[in-house]
């Protein structure tokens, strides 16, 4: 995962990283271990969080398998989404520089 390389820089700003997928917990755990990721992986096999966030890509994995659209969100400590990046293709993700720019903007606004 691209953001793993920026984990320290992100966490120093008081930001926690989460990855959400429809994969069952054991699959998410194996992926986290294989990637040696420090990001927290959340399993949403029924897609409830994906639906609440509007990021479910129905049949995106083919054969009836849903995926999450690649999405980055900055959520404040009150649970308010302050910034969102969403791609319409699984190949494109938010660039870390975009995330850092959004963090800087929110911090300068006091948000």
C-alpha atoms as a PDB file:
ATOM      1  CA  UNK A   1       0.000   0.000   0.000  1.00  0.00           C
ATOM      2  CA  UNK A   2       1.417   3.318  -1.065  1.00  0.00           C
ATOM      3  CA  UNK A   3       0.591   5.138   2.169  1.00  0.00           C
ATOM      4  CA  UNK A   4       2.618   2.690   4.258  1.00  0.00           C
ATOM      5  CA  UNK A   5       5.740   4.512   3.088  1.00  0.00           C
ATOM      6  CA  UNK A   6       4.327   7.699   4.602  1.00  0.00           C
ATOM      7  CA  UNK A   7       3.016   6.113   7.788  1.00  0.00           C
ATOM      8  CA  UNK A   8       5.407   7.896  10.152  1.00  0.00           C
ATOM      9  CA  UNK A   9       4.874  11.305   8.569  1.00  0.00           C
ATOM     10  CA  UNK A  10       1.107  10.855   8.656  1.00  0.00           C
ATOM     11  CA  UNK A  11       0.945   9.510  12.213  1.00  0.00           C
ATOM     12  CA  UNK A  12       3.131  12.386  13.460  1.00  0.00           C
ATOM     13  CA  UNK A  13       0.273  14.669  12.433  1.00  0.00           C
ATOM     14  CA  UNK A  14      -2.134  12.778  14.679  1.00  0.00           C
ATOM     15  CA  UNK A  15      -3.749  10.914  11.796  1.00  0.00           C
ATOM     16  CA  UNK A  16      -4.664   7.210  11.911  1.00  0.00           C
ATOM     17  CA  UNK A  17      -4.805   5.139   8.743  1.00  0.00           C
ATOM     18  CA  UNK A  18      -7.485   2.551   8.023  1.00  0.00           C
ATOM     19  CA  UNK A  19      -8.088   0.329   5.022  1.00  0.00           C
ATOM     20  CA  UNK A  20     -11.637  -0.951   4.534  1.00  0.00           C
ATOM     21  CA  UNK A  21     -12.595  -3.836   2.276  1.00  0.00           C
ATOM     22  CA  UNK A  22     -15.353  -6.375   1.804  1.00  0.00           C
ATOM     23  CA  UNK A  23     -12.862  -9.155   2.430  1.00  0.00           C
ATOM     24  CA  UNK A  24     -13.540 -11.403   5.421  1.00  0.00           C
ATOM     25  CA  UNK A  25     -11.375 -10.708   8.500  1.00  0.00           C
ATOM     26  CA  UNK A  26      -9.001 -13.626   7.873  1.00  0.00           C
ATOM     27  CA  UNK A  27      -8.315 -12.444   4.308  1.00  0.00           C
ATOM     28  CA  UNK A  28      -7.693  -8.877   5.502  1.00  0.00           C
ATOM     29  CA  UNK A  29      -5.370 -10.180   8.216  1.00  0.00           C
ATOM     30  CA  UNK A  30      -3.333 -12.232   5.723  1.00  0.00           C
ATOM     31  CA  UNK A  31      -3.072  -9.265   3.351  1.00  0.00           C
ATOM     32  CA  UNK A  32      -1.917  -6.984   6.177  1.00  0.00           C
ATOM     33  CA  UNK A  33       0.713  -9.536   7.180  1.00  0.00           C
ATOM     34  CA  UNK A  34       1.852 -10.116   3.599  1.00  0.00           C
ATOM     35  CA  UNK A  35       2.236  -6.378   3.049  1.00  0.00           C
ATOM     36  CA  UNK A  36       3.800  -5.944   6.513  1.00  0.00           C
ATOM     37  CA  UNK A  37       1.515  -2.944   6.816  1.00  0.00           C
ATOM     38  CA  UNK A  38       1.069  -0.811   9.916  1.00  0.00           C
ATOM     39  CA  UNK A  39      -2.276   0.453   8.623  1.00  0.00           C
ATOM     40  CA  UNK A  40      -5.339  -0.865  10.461  1.00  0.00           C
ATOM     41  CA  UNK A  41      -7.381  -3.132   8.198  1.00  0.00           C
ATOM     42  CA  UNK A  42     -11.141  -3.181   8.685  1.00  0.00           C
ATOM     43  CA  UNK A  43     -13.291  -5.959   7.307  1.00  0.00           C
ATOM     44  CA  UNK A  44     -16.734  -4.999   6.018  1.00  0.00           C
ATOM     45  CA  UNK A  45     -17.957  -8.243   4.406  1.00  0.00           C
ATOM     46  CA  UNK A  46     -21.556  -7.015   4.170  1.00  0.00           C
ATOM     47  CA  UNK A  47     -20.495  -3.667   2.744  1.00  0.00           C
ATOM     48  CA  UNK A  48     -22.390  -1.679   5.380  1.00  0.00           C
ATOM     49  CA  UNK A  49     -19.630   0.893   5.871  1.00  0.00           C
ATOM     50  CA  UNK A  50     -18.952   1.013   2.146  1.00  0.00           C
ATOM     51  CA  UNK A  51     -22.633   1.764   1.530  1.00  0.00           C
ATOM     52  CA  UNK A  52     -22.757   4.395   4.284  1.00  0.00           C
ATOM     53  CA  UNK A  53     -19.733   6.103   2.704  1.00  0.00           C
ATOM     54  CA  UNK A  54     -21.046   5.619  -0.834  1.00  0.00           C
ATOM     55  CA  UNK A  55     -17.903   3.842  -1.984  1.00  0.00           C
ATOM     56  CA  UNK A  56     -19.122   0.337  -2.881  1.00  0.00           C
ATOM     57  CA  UNK A  57     -18.300  -0.707  -6.437  1.00  0.00           C
ATOM     58  CA  UNK A  58     -20.870  -3.423  -7.059  1.00  0.00           C
ATOM     59  CA  UNK A  59     -19.457  -6.329  -9.053  1.00  0.00           C
ATOM     60  CA  UNK A  60     -16.176  -4.418  -9.332  1.00  0.00           C
ATOM     61  CA  UNK A  61     -14.331  -7.667  -8.733  1.00  0.00           C
ATOM     62  CA  UNK A  62     -16.399  -9.542 -11.329  1.00  0.00           C
ATOM     63  CA  UNK A  63     -18.522 -12.615 -10.748  1.00  0.00           C
ATOM     64  CA  UNK A  64     -20.733 -10.700  -8.321  1.00  0.00           C
ATOM     65  CA  UNK A  65     -17.824  -9.690  -6.075  1.00  0.00           C
ATOM     66  CA  UNK A  66     -18.046  -6.137  -4.754  1.00  0.00           C
ATOM     67  CA  UNK A  67     -15.057  -3.891  -4.116  1.00  0.00           C
ATOM     68  CA  UNK A  68     -14.522  -0.513  -2.529  1.00  0.00           C
ATOM     69  CA  UNK A  69     -13.777   2.355  -4.871  1.00  0.00           C
ATOM     70  CA  UNK A  70     -10.275   3.588  -4.024  1.00  0.00           C
ATOM     71  CA  UNK A  71     -11.097   6.364  -1.601  1.00  0.00           C
ATOM     72  CA  UNK A  72      -9.168   8.468   0.871  1.00  0.00           C
ATOM     73  CA  UNK A  73     -11.032  10.386   3.536  1.00  0.00           C
ATOM     74  CA  UNK A  74      -9.928  12.664   6.309  1.00  0.00           C
ATOM     75  CA  UNK A  75     -12.327  12.362   9.222  1.00  0.00           C
ATOM     76  CA  UNK A  76     -11.998  14.577  12.265  1.00  0.00           C
ATOM     77  CA  UNK A  77     -12.217  13.422  15.862  1.00  0.00           C
ATOM     78  CA  UNK A  78     -15.971  14.140  15.849  1.00  0.00           C
ATOM     79  CA  UNK A  79     -16.517  11.773  12.916  1.00  0.00           C
ATOM     80  CA  UNK A  80     -17.057  14.527  10.358  1.00  0.00           C
ATOM     81  CA  UNK A  81     -15.634  13.850   6.899  1.00  0.00           C
ATOM     82  CA  UNK A  82     -13.459  16.878   6.145  1.00  0.00           C
ATOM     83  CA  UNK A  83     -11.917  15.824   2.813  1.00  0.00           C
ATOM     84  CA  UNK A  84     -12.548  13.051   0.298  1.00  0.00           C
ATOM     85  CA  UNK A  85     -10.741  11.689  -2.713  1.00  0.00           C
ATOM     86  CA  UNK A  86     -12.549   9.007  -4.698  1.00  0.00           C
ATOM     87  CA  UNK A  87     -11.448   7.329  -7.875  1.00  0.00           C
ATOM     88  CA  UNK A  88     -13.706   5.643 -10.387  1.00  0.00           C
ATOM     89  CA  UNK A  89     -11.071   3.024 -11.183  1.00  0.00           C
ATOM     90  CA  UNK A  90      -9.269   0.606  -8.895  1.00  0.00           C
ATOM     91  CA  UNK A  91      -5.976   1.564 -10.550  1.00  0.00           C
ATOM     92  CA  UNK A  92      -5.936   5.148  -9.313  1.00  0.00           C
ATOM     93  CA  UNK A  93      -5.403   6.164  -5.697  1.00  0.00           C
ATOM     94  CA  UNK A  94      -4.985   9.500  -3.960  1.00  0.00           C
ATOM     95  CA  UNK A  95      -1.382  10.610  -4.136  1.00  0.00           C
ATOM     96  CA  UNK A  96       0.184  11.166  -0.705  1.00  0.00           C
ATOM     97  CA  UNK A  97       1.033  14.761  -1.706  1.00  0.00           C
ATOM     98  CA  UNK A  98      -2.705  15.414  -2.193  1.00  0.00           C
ATOM     99  CA  UNK A  99      -3.434  14.020   1.249  1.00  0.00           C
ATOM    100  CA  UNK A 100      -0.692  16.126   2.854  1.00  0.00           C
ATOM    101  CA  UNK A 101      -1.995  19.226   1.050  1.00  0.00           C
ATOM    102  CA  UNK A 102      -5.506  18.509   2.352  1.00  0.00           C
ATOM    103  CA  UNK A 103      -4.149  18.023   5.888  1.00  0.00           C
ATOM    104  CA  UNK A 104      -2.245  21.311   5.692  1.00  0.00           C
ATOM    105  CA  UNK A 105      -5.332  23.112   4.418  1.00  0.00           C
ATOM    106  CA  UNK A 106      -7.504  21.701   7.180  1.00  0.00           C
ATOM    107  CA  UNK A 107      -4.921  22.565   9.823  1.00  0.00           C
ATOM    108  CA  UNK A 108      -4.648  26.145   8.548  1.00  0.00           C
ATOM    109  CA  UNK A 109      -8.458  26.396   8.759  1.00  0.00           C
ATOM    110  CA  UNK A 110      -8.324  25.059  12.276  1.00  0.00           C
ATOM    111  CA  UNK A 111     -10.283  21.949  11.244  1.00  0.00           C
END
